Protein backbone atom coordinates (compact mmCIF):
# COMPACT_ATOMS: atom_id res chain seq x y z
CA MET A 1 -9.11 -1.79 -20.49
CA SER A 2 -7.73 1.71 -20.94
CA ASP A 3 -4.93 2.75 -18.59
CA THR A 4 -6.16 6.34 -19.00
CA SER A 5 -9.59 5.43 -17.62
CA PHE A 6 -8.08 3.60 -14.67
CA GLU A 7 -5.86 6.59 -13.88
CA LEU A 8 -8.80 8.98 -14.18
CA VAL A 9 -10.93 6.87 -11.84
CA LYS A 10 -8.08 6.63 -9.32
CA GLU A 11 -7.61 10.40 -9.45
CA LEU A 12 -11.30 11.13 -8.97
CA ALA A 13 -11.59 8.57 -6.18
CA ARG A 14 -9.24 10.71 -4.08
CA ILE A 15 -11.84 13.51 -4.04
CA ASP A 16 -14.89 13.57 -1.79
CA THR A 17 -18.20 13.57 -3.64
CA PRO A 18 -19.50 17.01 -2.55
CA THR A 19 -16.26 18.63 -3.73
CA LEU A 20 -16.44 16.76 -7.03
CA SER A 21 -20.07 17.83 -7.39
CA ASN A 22 -18.96 21.45 -6.97
CA ALA A 23 -16.24 20.89 -9.57
CA VAL A 24 -18.81 19.51 -12.03
CA GLU A 25 -20.82 22.71 -11.56
CA GLN A 26 -17.76 24.69 -12.66
CA LEU A 27 -17.76 22.85 -15.99
CA GLY A 28 -21.17 24.31 -16.84
CA VAL A 29 -22.21 21.25 -18.83
CA ARG A 30 -25.48 20.50 -17.02
CA ASN A 31 -28.09 22.16 -14.84
CA ARG A 32 -27.16 22.23 -11.15
CA ILE A 33 -30.40 20.49 -10.22
CA GLN A 34 -29.42 17.37 -12.19
CA GLY A 35 -26.94 14.54 -11.82
CA PHE A 36 -27.24 13.41 -8.19
CA THR A 37 -29.27 11.01 -6.06
CA ASP A 38 -31.89 12.13 -3.58
CA LEU A 39 -31.87 11.61 0.19
CA ARG A 40 -33.41 8.14 0.00
CA LEU A 41 -30.07 6.63 -1.03
CA ARG A 42 -27.80 5.72 1.87
CA CYS A 43 -24.13 4.84 1.86
CA LEU A 44 -24.04 1.66 3.96
CA THR A 45 -20.25 1.24 3.82
CA PRO A 46 -18.91 4.72 4.72
CA GLN A 47 -15.74 3.17 6.16
CA LEU A 48 -14.67 2.27 2.61
CA GLY A 49 -14.36 5.91 1.54
CA THR A 50 -15.08 7.01 -2.02
CA MET A 51 -16.42 4.76 -4.79
CA CYS A 52 -15.82 5.56 -8.45
CA GLY A 53 -16.55 3.39 -11.46
CA PHE A 54 -18.51 2.83 -14.66
CA ALA A 55 -22.14 1.66 -14.49
CA VAL A 56 -23.43 -1.77 -15.40
CA THR A 57 -27.20 -1.50 -15.12
CA ALA A 58 -30.03 -3.94 -14.50
CA GLN A 59 -33.67 -4.11 -13.51
CA ALA A 60 -34.94 -6.68 -11.04
CA VAL A 61 -38.19 -8.12 -9.76
CA THR A 62 -37.98 -9.39 -6.20
CA MET A 63 -41.47 -9.88 -4.80
CA ALA A 64 -43.02 -12.00 -7.56
CA PRO A 65 -45.28 -14.71 -6.08
CA GLN A 66 -43.18 -17.46 -7.68
CA ALA A 67 -39.49 -17.70 -8.55
CA GLY A 68 -38.55 -17.57 -12.23
CA ALA A 69 -36.53 -20.14 -14.15
CA ARG A 70 -33.10 -20.49 -12.53
CA GLU A 71 -31.30 -20.94 -15.87
CA LYS A 72 -32.51 -17.55 -17.11
CA ALA A 73 -31.58 -15.90 -13.83
CA VAL A 74 -28.04 -17.30 -13.90
CA SER A 75 -27.56 -16.32 -17.55
CA ARG A 76 -28.44 -12.71 -16.72
CA PHE A 77 -25.96 -12.65 -13.85
CA LEU A 78 -23.29 -13.89 -16.24
CA LYS A 79 -24.28 -11.19 -18.74
CA MET A 80 -23.71 -8.61 -16.01
CA CYS A 81 -20.27 -10.10 -15.30
CA GLU A 82 -19.41 -9.95 -19.01
CA ALA A 83 -20.43 -6.28 -19.05
CA LEU A 84 -18.21 -5.61 -16.01
CA GLN A 85 -15.26 -7.22 -17.78
CA ASP A 86 -15.77 -5.06 -20.86
CA LEU A 87 -15.68 -1.72 -19.03
CA PRO A 88 -12.77 0.73 -19.47
CA GLY A 89 -12.19 0.75 -15.70
CA PRO A 90 -13.73 -0.36 -12.38
CA GLY A 91 -17.44 -1.18 -12.46
CA VAL A 92 -20.43 -0.16 -10.36
CA VAL A 93 -23.47 -2.42 -10.54
CA VAL A 94 -26.72 -0.41 -10.56
CA ILE A 95 -30.02 -2.21 -9.97
CA GLN A 96 -33.49 -0.71 -10.17
CA GLU A 97 -36.45 -2.57 -8.69
CA ALA A 98 -39.11 -3.02 -11.39
CA GLY A 99 -41.54 -5.08 -9.37
CA PRO A 100 -44.10 -4.33 -6.64
CA HIS A 101 -43.39 -3.88 -2.92
CA SER A 102 -39.93 -2.42 -3.36
CA ASP A 103 -39.61 -1.85 0.40
CA PHE A 104 -39.21 -5.64 0.73
CA ALA A 105 -36.72 -6.00 -2.14
CA THR A 106 -33.11 -7.11 -1.61
CA HIS A 107 -30.70 -6.74 -4.52
CA CYS A 108 -27.34 -7.94 -3.22
CA GLY A 109 -25.61 -9.91 -0.50
CA ASP A 110 -22.21 -11.47 0.05
CA VAL A 111 -22.48 -14.03 -2.77
CA LEU A 112 -23.39 -11.55 -5.52
CA SER A 113 -20.87 -9.05 -4.17
CA THR A 114 -18.18 -11.72 -4.47
CA LEU A 115 -19.28 -12.49 -8.03
CA PHE A 116 -19.34 -8.85 -9.12
CA GLN A 117 -16.02 -8.09 -7.44
CA ARG A 118 -14.40 -11.04 -9.19
CA PHE A 119 -15.14 -9.44 -12.58
CA GLY A 120 -14.11 -5.88 -11.75
CA GLY A 121 -16.98 -4.49 -9.73
CA VAL A 122 -16.16 -2.15 -6.85
CA GLY A 123 -19.67 -1.47 -5.58
CA LEU A 124 -23.42 -1.55 -6.01
CA VAL A 125 -26.10 1.14 -6.15
CA SER A 126 -29.69 0.03 -5.54
CA ASP A 127 -33.05 1.72 -5.07
CA ALA A 128 -34.09 -1.11 -2.75
CA GLY A 129 -32.26 -3.08 -0.04
CA VAL A 130 -29.15 -5.19 0.48
CA ARG A 131 -28.05 -7.68 3.12
CA ASP A 132 -24.96 -9.39 4.61
CA LEU A 133 -23.63 -5.93 5.38
CA ASP A 134 -20.71 -6.92 7.64
CA GLU A 135 -19.45 -9.59 5.25
CA VAL A 136 -19.70 -7.33 2.18
CA ALA A 137 -18.01 -4.40 3.92
CA ALA A 138 -15.15 -6.71 4.97
CA MET A 139 -14.64 -7.53 1.28
CA GLY A 140 -14.17 -3.84 0.50
CA PHE A 141 -17.25 -3.77 -1.75
CA HIS A 142 -19.23 -0.50 -1.59
CA LEU A 143 -22.97 -0.66 -0.95
CA PHE A 144 -25.40 2.19 -1.65
CA ALA A 145 -29.07 1.37 -1.06
CA ARG A 146 -32.17 2.54 0.77
CA GLY A 147 -31.58 0.13 3.63
CA LEU A 148 -31.28 -3.48 4.74
CA VAL A 149 -33.72 -6.33 4.06
CA VAL A 150 -32.93 -9.79 5.40
CA SER A 151 -34.52 -12.07 2.75
CA HIS A 152 -33.75 -12.32 -0.96
CA ALA A 153 -37.38 -13.43 -1.57
CA ASN A 154 -37.79 -14.30 -5.29
CA PHE A 155 -35.11 -11.90 -6.55
CA GLU A 156 -34.53 -12.11 -10.29
CA ILE A 157 -32.69 -9.89 -12.76
CA VAL A 158 -35.10 -9.32 -15.65
CA ARG A 159 -33.18 -6.86 -17.87
CA VAL A 160 -29.48 -6.04 -18.22
CA GLN A 161 -27.71 -2.95 -19.60
CA VAL A 162 -30.83 -0.79 -19.89
CA PRO A 163 -31.46 2.80 -18.74
CA VAL A 164 -32.49 2.90 -15.08
CA THR A 165 -33.52 5.47 -12.50
CA VAL A 166 -32.27 5.04 -8.94
CA CYS A 167 -33.34 7.46 -6.20
CA GLY A 168 -33.93 10.27 -8.67
CA LEU A 169 -30.80 9.75 -10.78
CA ASP A 170 -31.13 8.60 -14.40
CA ILE A 171 -28.25 6.24 -15.23
CA GLU A 172 -27.22 4.75 -18.57
CA PRO A 173 -24.86 1.78 -19.02
CA GLY A 174 -21.29 3.07 -18.99
CA ASP A 175 -21.99 6.27 -17.04
CA LEU A 176 -19.20 7.18 -14.61
CA LEU A 177 -20.51 7.24 -11.02
CA HIS A 178 -18.89 8.70 -7.93
CA GLY A 179 -20.14 8.30 -4.37
CA ASP A 180 -19.33 8.52 -0.70
CA LEU A 181 -21.28 8.87 2.56
CA ASN A 182 -22.90 12.03 1.14
CA GLY A 183 -24.52 10.34 -1.89
CA VAL A 184 -23.85 9.49 -5.52
CA ILE A 185 -23.34 11.72 -8.57
CA LYS A 186 -23.00 11.05 -12.28
CA VAL A 187 -19.72 12.42 -13.67
CA PRO A 188 -20.28 14.05 -17.08
CA GLU A 189 -18.07 12.89 -19.92
CA GLU A 190 -17.42 16.39 -21.21
CA GLY A 191 -14.54 18.01 -19.33
CA ARG A 192 -14.03 15.23 -16.80
CA GLU A 193 -10.26 15.42 -17.28
CA LYS A 194 -10.41 18.93 -15.74
CA LEU A 195 -12.24 17.88 -12.59
CA ALA A 196 -9.27 17.01 -10.38
CA GLY A 197 -7.72 20.43 -10.95
CA LEU A 198 -11.03 22.21 -10.37
CA ALA A 199 -11.61 20.22 -7.19
CA ALA A 200 -8.18 21.23 -5.86
CA GLU A 201 -8.99 24.90 -6.53
CA ILE A 202 -12.36 24.57 -4.77
CA THR A 203 -10.77 22.92 -1.73
CA GLU A 204 -8.25 25.76 -1.47
CA GLN A 205 -10.94 28.42 -1.86
CA GLU A 206 -13.23 26.85 0.74
CA SER A 207 -10.36 26.48 3.19
CA GLY A 208 -9.59 30.17 2.76
CA LEU A 209 -13.23 31.10 3.34
CA ARG A 210 -13.45 29.04 6.52
CA ASP A 211 -10.22 30.58 7.83
CA CYS A 212 -11.52 34.05 7.00
CA VAL A 213 -14.68 33.49 9.05
CA LYS A 214 -12.84 31.85 11.97
CA ASP A 215 -10.31 34.68 12.09
CA GLY A 216 -13.04 37.21 12.84
CA ALA A 217 -13.51 38.86 9.45
CA SER A 218 -16.10 41.62 9.21
CA LEU A 219 -19.41 41.06 7.43
CA GLY A 220 -18.13 43.25 4.60
CA GLU A 221 -15.02 41.10 4.15
CA ILE A 222 -17.07 37.92 4.33
CA TYR A 223 -19.43 39.28 1.66
CA ARG A 224 -16.49 40.20 -0.55
CA ARG A 225 -14.88 36.75 -0.19
CA PHE A 226 -18.13 34.90 -0.86
CA THR A 227 -18.99 36.93 -3.98
CA HIS A 228 -15.61 36.86 -5.74
């Protein structure tokens, strides 16, 4: 794995996600209405702070009437672990529910979190549910999902390393993801080495704006500060 990628991920992980999102806007490499999850996605482990890592993607079917062949299911889990090992930095497992009744679907618990963490995973992003929240949080493994569902039902990974869409965000294998209690964004490849510096500038500017307002600035001064 590349030391440069690890250092980049560590640097970006020190930044909160809204500030990084603002920094991405400064790059001008994508439309501002793209690249982030919608309000359905919840950060279930906010005490862990910021998550940053490269995506390993999968699609799952959870509410099939009958369970699939266990050998195939295990082989797909191992394929996901191999993909995690091959990443240029920490990994984020992303699972999209491809079956019916997604409100009943659970994509991860303490056992899978342990498995993914063993091979370099730092968190999971799901458009369905997760479980074993206390145990997974204690491991330091980030969970982003729509909520909690207690049963794994007939959960089965059916495809690995394919394009997925989770809560409005299109994600390809290898995409760099960044998330905290505010949501998840996709970090563009172009210009990402500039993001830490841009984020520092934004933090300084926003601090100055807040101080300006708190110190009783006139509406004219506030307008000038917000438009320059």
